Amino acid sequence: MTSVVINSTIQAAALAGLSNLLAQAIQAYRTDQPLSLDYRTLLQFVVFSLIATPPNVLWQEYLEENYPGDQMDEQGIKRLHKRNTAVKFVLDQTLGAMVNSLFFVAGIGALKGKDSSTIWEDCQRDVWPLLTAGWRLWPLVSLLCFTVVPLKHRVLVGSTIGVFWGVFLSLFAAP
């Protein structure tokens, strides 16, 4: 694995842990209960992040290699390649979002020890609501990343914003 994949994975796992801790604190506050950390759930989110981040880094690299965001104009000035940016955006918000949503529901289900038929039912029930909820946040993040954030920092930026998304996911996946 490259250092970008390793660094991004470590950062994303730490941020996933933070988001799950925040979600547990919010859940305790909402139910007026004292905070009692659920280490199993915390570990599930960190492990899921360790598994899911490398393919996401590779996905971002693939998009950038095949649809470079910059092009040189006639004067030799680097400019945004609008068509490639649009293609990356559409691919990321359709194929990428669907795969990530499916993988999240199935992956967390597997880490919780659910059987395959229950995971399939969870996917049928939860993927579409998760995907549509994600479209309220991630298109803007994706567009900003593709236009102003260098490739090597995209996963970190996404993971940082993902702390808030992770709180949502933790609450979404809570029993």
N, C-alpha and C. Protein backbone atom coordinates (compact mmCIF):
# COMPACT_ATOMS: atom_id res chain seq x y z
N MET A 1 0.84 -1.19 0.00
CA MET A 1 0.00 0.00 0.00
C MET A 1 0.88 1.25 0.00
N THR A 2 0.39 2.27 -0.66
CA THR A 2 1.14 3.52 -0.71
C THR A 2 0.98 4.29 0.59
N SER A 3 1.88 5.23 0.81
CA SER A 3 1.80 6.02 2.04
C SER A 3 0.52 6.85 2.08
N VAL A 4 0.01 7.28 0.92
CA VAL A 4 -1.24 8.03 0.89
C VAL A 4 -2.38 7.15 1.39
N VAL A 5 -2.43 5.90 0.95
CA VAL A 5 -3.48 4.98 1.39
C VAL A 5 -3.35 4.72 2.89
N ILE A 6 -2.14 4.47 3.35
CA ILE A 6 -1.92 4.18 4.77
C ILE A 6 -2.28 5.39 5.63
N ASN A 7 -1.75 6.55 5.29
CA ASN A 7 -2.04 7.77 6.07
C ASN A 7 -3.53 8.09 6.06
N SER A 8 -4.15 8.01 4.90
CA SER A 8 -5.58 8.30 4.80
C SER A 8 -6.40 7.31 5.63
N THR A 9 -5.99 6.05 5.63
CA THR A 9 -6.72 5.03 6.37
C THR A 9 -6.61 5.26 7.87
N ILE A 10 -5.42 5.58 8.34
CA ILE A 10 -5.23 5.85 9.77
C ILE A 10 -6.04 7.07 10.19
N GLN A 11 -5.98 8.13 9.39
CA GLN A 11 -6.74 9.34 9.70
C GLN A 11 -8.24 9.07 9.70
N ALA A 12 -8.71 8.34 8.69
CA ALA A 12 -10.14 8.05 8.59
C ALA A 12 -10.61 7.18 9.75
N ALA A 13 -9.79 6.21 10.16
CA ALA A 13 -10.17 5.34 11.28
C ALA A 13 -10.27 6.15 12.58
N ALA A 14 -9.31 7.04 12.79
CA ALA A 14 -9.36 7.89 13.99
C ALA A 14 -10.60 8.78 13.97
N LEU A 15 -10.90 9.36 12.83
CA LEU A 15 -12.07 10.22 12.72
C LEU A 15 -13.37 9.42 12.83
N ALA A 16 -13.38 8.18 12.34
CA ALA A 16 -14.56 7.32 12.50
C ALA A 16 -14.79 7.01 13.98
N GLY A 17 -13.71 6.75 14.70
CA GLY A 17 -13.84 6.52 16.14
C GLY A 17 -14.39 7.75 16.84
N LEU A 18 -13.87 8.92 16.48
CA LEU A 18 -14.35 10.17 17.07
C LEU A 18 -15.84 10.37 16.77
N SER A 19 -16.24 10.14 15.54
CA SER A 19 -17.65 10.35 15.19
C SER A 19 -18.55 9.38 15.93
N ASN A 20 -18.10 8.14 16.13
CA ASN A 20 -18.92 7.19 16.87
C ASN A 20 -19.01 7.58 18.34
N LEU A 21 -17.91 8.06 18.91
CA LEU A 21 -17.95 8.53 20.31
C LEU A 21 -18.92 9.70 20.45
N LEU A 22 -18.87 10.64 19.51
CA LEU A 22 -19.80 11.77 19.53
C LEU A 22 -21.25 11.29 19.41
N ALA A 23 -21.48 10.32 18.52
CA ALA A 23 -22.84 9.80 18.35
C ALA A 23 -23.34 9.13 19.62
N GLN A 24 -22.46 8.38 20.29
CA GLN A 24 -22.87 7.75 21.54
C GLN A 24 -23.19 8.80 22.60
N ALA A 25 -22.42 9.87 22.63
CA ALA A 25 -22.70 10.95 23.59
C ALA A 25 -24.03 11.63 23.27
N ILE A 26 -24.29 11.85 21.99
CA ILE A 26 -25.57 12.46 21.58
C ILE A 26 -26.73 11.54 21.94
N GLN A 27 -26.56 10.25 21.68
CA GLN A 27 -27.62 9.28 22.00
C GLN A 27 -27.89 9.26 23.50
N ALA A 28 -26.85 9.29 24.31
CA ALA A 28 -27.03 9.32 25.77
C ALA A 28 -27.76 10.59 26.19
N TYR A 29 -27.38 11.70 25.61
CA TYR A 29 -28.02 12.98 25.93
C TYR A 29 -29.50 12.96 25.54
N ARG A 30 -29.80 12.44 24.34
CA ARG A 30 -31.18 12.38 23.85
C ARG A 30 -32.08 11.53 24.75
N THR A 31 -31.51 10.45 25.27
CA THR A 31 -32.30 9.53 26.09
C THR A 31 -32.18 9.84 27.57
N ASP A 32 -31.47 10.92 27.89
CA ASP A 32 -31.28 11.35 29.28
C ASP A 32 -30.66 10.23 30.13
N GLN A 33 -29.69 9.54 29.53
CA GLN A 33 -28.98 8.46 30.20
C GLN A 33 -27.52 8.87 30.38
N PRO A 34 -26.86 8.34 31.40
CA PRO A 34 -25.42 8.62 31.52
C PRO A 34 -24.68 7.94 30.36
N LEU A 35 -23.60 8.56 29.94
CA LEU A 35 -22.81 8.01 28.85
C LEU A 35 -22.11 6.74 29.32
N SER A 36 -22.40 5.66 28.64
CA SER A 36 -21.74 4.39 28.88
C SER A 36 -21.25 3.91 27.52
N LEU A 37 -19.95 4.02 27.30
CA LEU A 37 -19.41 3.72 25.98
C LEU A 37 -19.66 2.27 25.58
N ASP A 38 -20.13 2.12 24.35
CA ASP A 38 -20.31 0.81 23.75
C ASP A 38 -19.06 0.55 22.91
N TYR A 39 -18.10 -0.13 23.51
CA TYR A 39 -16.82 -0.34 22.85
C TYR A 39 -16.95 -1.23 21.62
N ARG A 40 -17.91 -2.14 21.64
CA ARG A 40 -18.12 -3.02 20.49
C ARG A 40 -18.52 -2.18 19.26
N THR A 41 -19.48 -1.29 19.44
CA THR A 41 -19.92 -0.43 18.34
C THR A 41 -18.78 0.47 17.87
N LEU A 42 -18.05 1.02 18.82
CA LEU A 42 -16.90 1.86 18.49
C LEU A 42 -15.90 1.08 17.64
N LEU A 43 -15.59 -0.12 18.06
CA LEU A 43 -14.65 -0.97 17.33
C LEU A 43 -15.19 -1.31 15.94
N GLN A 44 -16.49 -1.58 15.84
CA GLN A 44 -17.09 -1.89 14.54
C GLN A 44 -16.89 -0.73 13.55
N PHE A 45 -17.10 0.49 14.02
CA PHE A 45 -16.93 1.65 13.13
C PHE A 45 -15.48 1.86 12.74
N VAL A 46 -14.58 1.66 13.67
CA VAL A 46 -13.16 1.83 13.35
C VAL A 46 -12.71 0.74 12.38
N VAL A 47 -13.09 -0.50 12.63
CA VAL A 47 -12.72 -1.61 11.74
C VAL A 47 -13.32 -1.39 10.35
N PHE A 48 -14.58 -0.98 10.31
CA PHE A 48 -15.20 -0.71 9.01
C PHE A 48 -14.41 0.35 8.26
N SER A 49 -14.01 1.40 8.94
CA SER A 49 -13.24 2.47 8.31
C SER A 49 -11.89 1.95 7.80
N LEU A 50 -11.25 1.09 8.58
CA LEU A 50 -9.98 0.51 8.15
C LEU A 50 -10.14 -0.32 6.88
N ILE A 51 -11.29 -0.96 6.74
CA ILE A 51 -11.56 -1.78 5.56
C ILE A 51 -12.01 -0.92 4.38
N ALA A 52 -12.85 0.07 4.64
CA ALA A 52 -13.48 0.84 3.55
C ALA A 52 -12.61 1.95 2.99
N THR A 53 -11.68 2.47 3.76
CA THR A 53 -10.91 3.63 3.29
C THR A 53 -9.97 3.31 2.12
N PRO A 54 -9.18 2.23 2.17
CA PRO A 54 -8.28 1.99 1.03
C PRO A 54 -8.98 1.94 -0.33
N PRO A 55 -10.11 1.23 -0.46
CA PRO A 55 -10.77 1.27 -1.78
C PRO A 55 -11.25 2.67 -2.16
N ASN A 56 -11.63 3.47 -1.17
CA ASN A 56 -12.07 4.83 -1.47
C ASN A 56 -10.91 5.71 -1.93
N VAL A 57 -9.74 5.53 -1.35
CA VAL A 57 -8.56 6.26 -1.81
C VAL A 57 -8.25 5.86 -3.25
N LEU A 58 -8.28 4.56 -3.51
CA LEU A 58 -8.01 4.07 -4.87
C LEU A 58 -9.06 4.57 -5.86
N TRP A 59 -10.30 4.66 -5.42
CA TRP A 59 -11.37 5.19 -6.26
C TRP A 59 -11.08 6.65 -6.63
N GLN A 60 -10.69 7.45 -5.66
CA GLN A 60 -10.36 8.85 -5.93
C GLN A 60 -9.16 8.96 -6.89
N GLU A 61 -8.17 8.10 -6.68
CA GLU A 61 -7.01 8.09 -7.59
C GLU A 61 -7.43 7.69 -9.00
N TYR A 62 -8.29 6.68 -9.09
CA TYR A 62 -8.78 6.23 -10.40
C TYR A 62 -9.51 7.37 -11.12
N LEU A 63 -10.40 8.04 -10.41
CA LEU A 63 -11.14 9.14 -11.02
C LEU A 63 -10.20 10.24 -11.52
N GLU A 64 -9.22 10.59 -10.70
CA GLU A 64 -8.30 11.67 -11.08
C GLU A 64 -7.39 11.26 -12.24
N GLU A 65 -6.93 10.00 -12.23
CA GLU A 65 -6.06 9.54 -13.31
C GLU A 65 -6.80 9.47 -14.64
N ASN A 66 -8.05 9.05 -14.60
CA ASN A 66 -8.81 8.87 -15.83
C ASN A 66 -9.56 10.12 -16.28
N TYR A 67 -9.81 11.01 -15.35
CA TYR A 67 -10.53 12.26 -15.65
C TYR A 67 -9.82 13.41 -14.94
N PRO A 68 -8.62 13.77 -15.40
CA PRO A 68 -7.85 14.81 -14.73
C PRO A 68 -8.66 16.10 -14.60
N GLY A 69 -8.57 16.70 -13.44
CA GLY A 69 -9.35 17.90 -13.16
C GLY A 69 -8.79 19.16 -13.78
N ASP A 70 -7.53 19.13 -14.17
CA ASP A 70 -6.89 20.31 -14.74
C ASP A 70 -6.47 20.06 -16.17
N GLN A 71 -6.42 21.12 -16.94
CA GLN A 71 -5.89 21.08 -18.30
C GLN A 71 -5.17 22.38 -18.57
N MET A 72 -4.23 22.34 -19.46
CA MET A 72 -3.50 23.55 -19.84
C MET A 72 -4.24 24.24 -20.98
N ASP A 73 -4.42 25.55 -20.85
CA ASP A 73 -5.04 26.29 -21.95
C ASP A 73 -3.97 26.70 -22.96
N GLU A 74 -4.37 27.48 -23.95
CA GLU A 74 -3.46 27.88 -25.03
C GLU A 74 -2.26 28.67 -24.53
N GLN A 75 -2.41 29.38 -23.42
CA GLN A 75 -1.32 30.19 -22.86
C GLN A 75 -0.47 29.39 -21.87
N GLY A 76 -0.77 28.11 -21.70
CA GLY A 76 -0.02 27.29 -20.76
C GLY A 76 -0.44 27.46 -19.31
N ILE A 77 -1.62 28.02 -19.11
CA ILE A 77 -2.15 28.22 -17.75
C ILE A 77 -3.05 27.04 -17.39
N LYS A 78 -2.84 26.53 -16.19
CA LYS A 78 -3.64 25.40 -15.73
C LYS A 78 -5.06 25.87 -15.43
N ARG A 79 -6.03 25.19 -16.02
CA ARG A 79 -7.45 25.54 -15.85
C ARG A 79 -8.25 24.29 -15.47
N LEU A 80 -9.38 24.53 -14.84
CA LEU A 80 -10.30 23.45 -14.50
C LEU A 80 -10.85 22.82 -15.78
N HIS A 81 -10.77 21.50 -15.85
CA HIS A 81 -11.34 20.76 -16.98
C HIS A 81 -12.79 20.45 -16.60
N LYS A 82 -13.71 21.25 -17.10
CA LYS A 82 -15.11 21.17 -16.67
C LYS A 82 -15.76 19.84 -17.01
N ARG A 83 -15.50 19.32 -18.20
CA ARG A 83 -16.11 18.05 -18.59
C ARG A 83 -15.63 16.92 -17.68
N ASN A 84 -14.32 16.83 -17.47
CA ASN A 84 -13.79 15.78 -16.59
C ASN A 84 -14.31 15.92 -15.17
N THR A 85 -14.40 17.14 -14.69
CA THR A 85 -14.92 17.37 -13.34
C THR A 85 -16.37 16.91 -13.26
N ALA A 86 -17.15 17.19 -14.29
CA ALA A 86 -18.55 16.76 -14.31
C ALA A 86 -18.64 15.23 -14.33
N VAL A 87 -17.79 14.59 -15.13
CA VAL A 87 -17.80 13.12 -15.20
C VAL A 87 -17.44 12.53 -13.84
N LYS A 88 -16.38 13.05 -13.21
CA LYS A 88 -15.99 12.56 -11.88
C LYS A 88 -17.12 12.74 -10.88
N PHE A 89 -17.74 13.91 -10.92
CA PHE A 89 -18.83 14.22 -10.00
C PHE A 89 -19.98 13.22 -10.17
N VAL A 90 -20.39 12.99 -11.41
CA VAL A 90 -21.51 12.08 -11.66
C VAL A 90 -21.14 10.65 -11.25
N LEU A 91 -19.96 10.19 -11.62
CA LEU A 91 -19.54 8.84 -11.22
C LEU A 91 -19.47 8.70 -9.71
N ASP A 92 -18.92 9.71 -9.04
CA ASP A 92 -18.78 9.64 -7.59
C ASP A 92 -20.12 9.66 -6.88
N GLN A 93 -21.05 10.45 -7.38
CA GLN A 93 -22.35 10.60 -6.72
C GLN A 93 -23.37 9.53 -7.11
N THR A 94 -23.04 8.71 -8.09
CA THR A 94 -23.93 7.61 -8.47
C THR A 94 -23.28 6.28 -8.10
N LEU A 95 -22.35 5.84 -8.92
CA LEU A 95 -21.69 4.56 -8.68
C LEU A 95 -20.96 4.54 -7.34
N GLY A 96 -20.15 5.55 -7.08
CA GLY A 96 -19.40 5.59 -5.82
C GLY A 96 -20.31 5.63 -4.61
N ALA A 97 -21.34 6.47 -4.67
CA ALA A 97 -22.26 6.59 -3.53
C ALA A 97 -23.04 5.30 -3.30
N MET A 98 -23.48 4.65 -4.38
CA MET A 98 -24.24 3.41 -4.24
C MET A 98 -23.36 2.30 -3.64
N VAL A 99 -22.15 2.16 -4.16
CA VAL A 99 -21.25 1.13 -3.64
C VAL A 99 -20.93 1.39 -2.17
N ASN A 100 -20.64 2.64 -1.82
CA ASN A 100 -20.33 2.96 -0.43
C ASN A 100 -21.52 2.73 0.49
N SER A 101 -22.72 3.06 0.04
CA SER A 101 -23.91 2.85 0.86
C SER A 101 -24.17 1.36 1.08
N LEU A 102 -24.08 0.60 0.00
CA LEU A 102 -24.25 -0.86 0.12
C LEU A 102 -23.19 -1.46 1.03
N PHE A 103 -21.95 -1.04 0.82
CA PHE A 103 -20.85 -1.59 1.61
C PHE A 103 -20.99 -1.22 3.08
N PHE A 104 -21.48 -0.01 3.37
CA PHE A 104 -21.67 0.39 4.76
C PHE A 104 -22.73 -0.49 5.43
N VAL A 105 -23.89 -0.60 4.81
CA VAL A 105 -24.97 -1.38 5.42
C VAL A 105 -24.56 -2.84 5.57
N ALA A 106 -23.99 -3.41 4.52
CA ALA A 106 -23.57 -4.82 4.58
C ALA A 106 -22.39 -5.01 5.52
N GLY A 107 -21.42 -4.11 5.46
CA GLY A 107 -20.23 -4.24 6.29
C GLY A 107 -20.52 -4.11 7.77
N ILE A 108 -21.31 -3.12 8.15
CA ILE A 108 -21.67 -2.97 9.56
C ILE A 108 -22.52 -4.16 10.00
N GLY A 109 -23.41 -4.62 9.13
CA GLY A 109 -24.21 -5.81 9.46
C GLY A 109 -23.33 -7.02 9.71
N ALA A 110 -22.34 -7.22 8.85
CA ALA A 110 -21.42 -8.35 9.03
C ALA A 110 -20.61 -8.20 10.31
N LEU A 111 -20.13 -6.99 10.59
CA LEU A 111 -19.36 -6.77 11.82
C LEU A 111 -20.22 -6.95 13.07
N LYS A 112 -21.52 -6.76 12.93
CA LYS A 112 -22.44 -7.01 14.05
C LYS A 112 -22.79 -8.49 14.18
N GLY A 113 -22.33 -9.30 13.22
CA GLY A 113 -22.57 -10.74 13.28
C GLY A 113 -23.89 -11.18 12.67
N LYS A 114 -24.49 -10.34 11.84
CA LYS A 114 -25.76 -10.70 11.21
C LYS A 114 -25.52 -11.73 10.12
N ASP A 115 -26.54 -12.57 9.86
CA ASP A 115 -26.42 -13.55 8.79
C ASP A 115 -26.72 -12.89 7.44
N SER A 116 -26.40 -13.58 6.36
CA SER A 116 -26.48 -12.98 5.03
C SER A 116 -27.91 -12.60 4.65
N SER A 117 -28.91 -13.37 5.05
CA SER A 117 -30.29 -13.00 4.69
C SER A 117 -30.73 -11.74 5.43
N THR A 118 -30.31 -11.58 6.67
CA THR A 118 -30.63 -10.37 7.42
C THR A 118 -29.90 -9.17 6.83
N ILE A 119 -28.65 -9.37 6.44
CA ILE A 119 -27.88 -8.28 5.81
C ILE A 119 -28.56 -7.87 4.50
N TRP A 120 -29.02 -8.84 3.72
CA TRP A 120 -29.71 -8.52 2.47
C TRP A 120 -30.98 -7.71 2.74
N GLU A 121 -31.75 -8.11 3.76
CA GLU A 121 -32.95 -7.36 4.14
C GLU A 121 -32.58 -5.94 4.57
N ASP A 122 -31.51 -5.82 5.36
CA ASP A 122 -31.04 -4.49 5.78
C ASP A 122 -30.68 -3.63 4.57
N CYS A 123 -29.99 -4.24 3.61
CA CYS A 123 -29.60 -3.50 2.40
C CYS A 123 -30.83 -3.02 1.64
N GLN A 124 -31.81 -3.90 1.48
CA GLN A 124 -33.02 -3.52 0.76
C GLN A 124 -33.77 -2.40 1.48
N ARG A 125 -33.75 -2.42 2.79
CA ARG A 125 -34.48 -1.42 3.58
C ARG A 125 -33.69 -0.11 3.73
N ASP A 126 -32.37 -0.19 3.91
CA ASP A 126 -31.60 0.97 4.37
C ASP A 126 -30.76 1.68 3.32
N VAL A 127 -30.41 1.02 2.23
CA VAL A 127 -29.49 1.64 1.28
C VAL A 127 -30.09 2.89 0.63
N TRP A 128 -31.32 2.81 0.17
CA TRP A 128 -31.91 3.97 -0.51
C TRP A 128 -32.05 5.17 0.43
N PRO A 129 -32.59 5.00 1.65
CA PRO A 129 -32.65 6.16 2.56
C PRO A 129 -31.26 6.72 2.89
N LEU A 130 -30.28 5.85 3.03
CA LEU A 130 -28.91 6.30 3.32
C LEU A 130 -28.34 7.07 2.13
N LEU A 131 -28.56 6.55 0.94
CA LEU A 131 -28.08 7.19 -0.28
C LEU A 131 -28.71 8.57 -0.45
N THR A 132 -30.02 8.66 -0.28
CA THR A 132 -30.69 9.95 -0.46
C THR A 132 -30.29 10.94 0.64
N ALA A 133 -30.06 10.45 1.85
CA ALA A 133 -29.58 11.34 2.91
C ALA A 133 -28.19 11.86 2.55
N GLY A 134 -27.36 11.00 2.01
CA GLY A 134 -26.01 11.39 1.61
C GLY A 134 -26.00 12.45 0.52
N TRP A 135 -27.00 12.42 -0.34
CA TRP A 135 -27.06 13.41 -1.42
C TRP A 135 -27.36 14.81 -0.89
N ARG A 136 -27.69 14.93 0.38
CA ARG A 136 -27.90 16.26 0.97
C ARG A 136 -26.57 16.90 1.39
N LEU A 137 -25.52 16.08 1.50
CA LEU A 137 -24.22 16.58 1.95
C LEU A 137 -23.12 16.38 0.91
N TRP A 138 -22.99 15.15 0.42
CA TRP A 138 -21.81 14.78 -0.35
C TRP A 138 -21.66 15.42 -1.72
N PRO A 139 -22.72 15.78 -2.43
CA PRO A 139 -22.48 16.46 -3.72
C PRO A 139 -21.67 17.75 -3.56
N LEU A 140 -21.98 18.54 -2.56
CA LEU A 140 -21.22 19.78 -2.34
C LEU A 140 -19.77 19.47 -1.98
N VAL A 141 -19.58 18.49 -1.08
CA VAL A 141 -18.22 18.10 -0.68
C VAL A 141 -17.45 17.59 -1.90
N SER A 142 -18.09 16.75 -2.67
CA SER A 142 -17.46 16.18 -3.86
C SER A 142 -17.06 17.27 -4.85
N LEU A 143 -17.95 18.18 -5.10
CA LEU A 143 -17.66 19.26 -6.04
C LEU A 143 -16.50 20.12 -5.56
N LEU A 144 -16.50 20.46 -4.28
CA LEU A 144 -15.38 21.24 -3.72
C LEU A 144 -14.07 20.46 -3.81
N CYS A 145 -14.13 19.18 -3.48
CA CYS A 145 -12.90 18.37 -3.55
C CYS A 145 -12.36 18.28 -4.97
N PHE A 146 -13.25 18.07 -5.93
CA PHE A 146 -12.80 17.94 -7.32
C PHE A 146 -12.30 19.25 -7.91
N THR A 147 -12.71 20.38 -7.34
CA THR A 147 -12.33 21.66 -7.94
C THR A 147 -11.24 22.40 -7.19
N VAL A 148 -11.13 22.24 -5.87
CA VAL A 148 -10.15 23.04 -5.12
C VAL A 148 -9.23 22.24 -4.20
N VAL A 149 -9.55 20.99 -3.90
CA VAL A 149 -8.73 20.21 -2.96
C VAL A 149 -7.79 19.30 -3.75
N PRO A 150 -6.48 19.37 -3.49
CA PRO A 150 -5.55 18.46 -4.17
C PRO A 150 -5.88 17.00 -3.86
N LEU A 151 -5.61 16.13 -4.81
CA LEU A 151 -5.92 14.70 -4.69
C LEU A 151 -5.42 14.12 -3.38
N LYS A 152 -4.19 14.45 -2.99
CA LYS A 152 -3.61 13.84 -1.79
C LYS A 152 -4.33 14.24 -0.51
N HIS A 153 -5.14 15.29 -0.55
CA HIS A 153 -5.86 15.74 0.65
C HIS A 153 -7.36 15.44 0.60
N ARG A 154 -7.84 14.87 -0.49
CA ARG A 154 -9.29 14.68 -0.64
C ARG A 154 -9.88 13.74 0.39
N VAL A 155 -9.21 12.63 0.66
CA VAL A 155 -9.77 11.69 1.62
C VAL A 155 -9.76 12.30 3.02
N LEU A 156 -8.71 13.05 3.36
CA LEU A 156 -8.67 13.71 4.67
C LEU A 156 -9.79 14.75 4.79
N VAL A 157 -9.98 15.55 3.76
CA VAL A 157 -11.08 16.53 3.78
C VAL A 157 -12.41 15.80 3.91
N GLY A 158 -12.58 14.77 3.10
CA GLY A 158 -13.81 13.99 3.17
C GLY A 158 -14.00 13.34 4.52
N SER A 159 -12.92 12.83 5.10
CA SER A 159 -13.00 12.19 6.42
C SER A 159 -13.31 13.20 7.52
N THR A 160 -12.77 14.39 7.39
CA THR A 160 -13.04 15.42 8.39
C THR A 160 -14.52 15.82 8.35
N ILE A 161 -15.03 16.06 7.17
CA ILE A 161 -16.46 16.34 7.04
C ILE A 161 -17.24 15.09 7.42
N GLY A 162 -16.62 13.95 7.15
CA GLY A 162 -17.23 12.68 7.50
C GLY A 162 -17.41 12.45 8.98
N VAL A 163 -16.72 13.22 9.83
CA VAL A 163 -16.97 13.11 11.28
C VAL A 163 -18.46 13.37 11.54
N PHE A 164 -18.97 14.42 10.93
CA PHE A 164 -20.38 14.75 11.11
C PHE A 164 -21.27 13.71 10.45
N TRP A 165 -20.86 13.26 9.27
CA TRP A 165 -21.59 12.21 8.57
C TRP A 165 -21.52 10.92 9.39
N GLY A 166 -20.36 10.66 9.99
CA GLY A 166 -20.20 9.47 10.83
C GLY A 166 -21.10 9.50 12.05
N VAL A 167 -21.31 10.67 12.61
CA VAL A 167 -22.27 10.79 13.72
C VAL A 167 -23.64 10.37 13.21
N PHE A 168 -24.02 10.88 12.05
CA PHE A 168 -25.30 10.49 11.45
C PHE A 168 -25.35 8.98 11.22
N LEU A 169 -24.29 8.41 10.63
CA LEU A 169 -24.27 6.98 10.36
C LEU A 169 -24.34 6.16 11.64
N SER A 170 -23.62 6.60 12.67
CA SER A 170 -23.66 5.89 13.94
C SER A 170 -25.07 5.89 14.52
N LEU A 171 -25.73 7.03 14.43
CA LEU A 171 -27.11 7.10 14.92
C LEU A 171 -28.03 6.29 14.01
N PHE A 172 -27.75 6.29 12.71
CA PHE A 172 -28.53 5.53 11.73
C PHE A 172 -28.42 4.03 12.00
N ALA A 173 -27.20 3.58 12.34
CA ALA A 173 -26.95 2.15 12.54
C ALA A 173 -27.23 1.69 13.96
N ALA A 174 -27.56 2.62 14.85
CA ALA A 174 -27.80 2.26 16.25
C ALA A 174 -29.01 1.35 16.34
N PRO A 175 -28.97 0.43 17.30
CA PRO A 175 -30.11 -0.48 17.46
C PRO A 175 -31.38 0.24 17.88
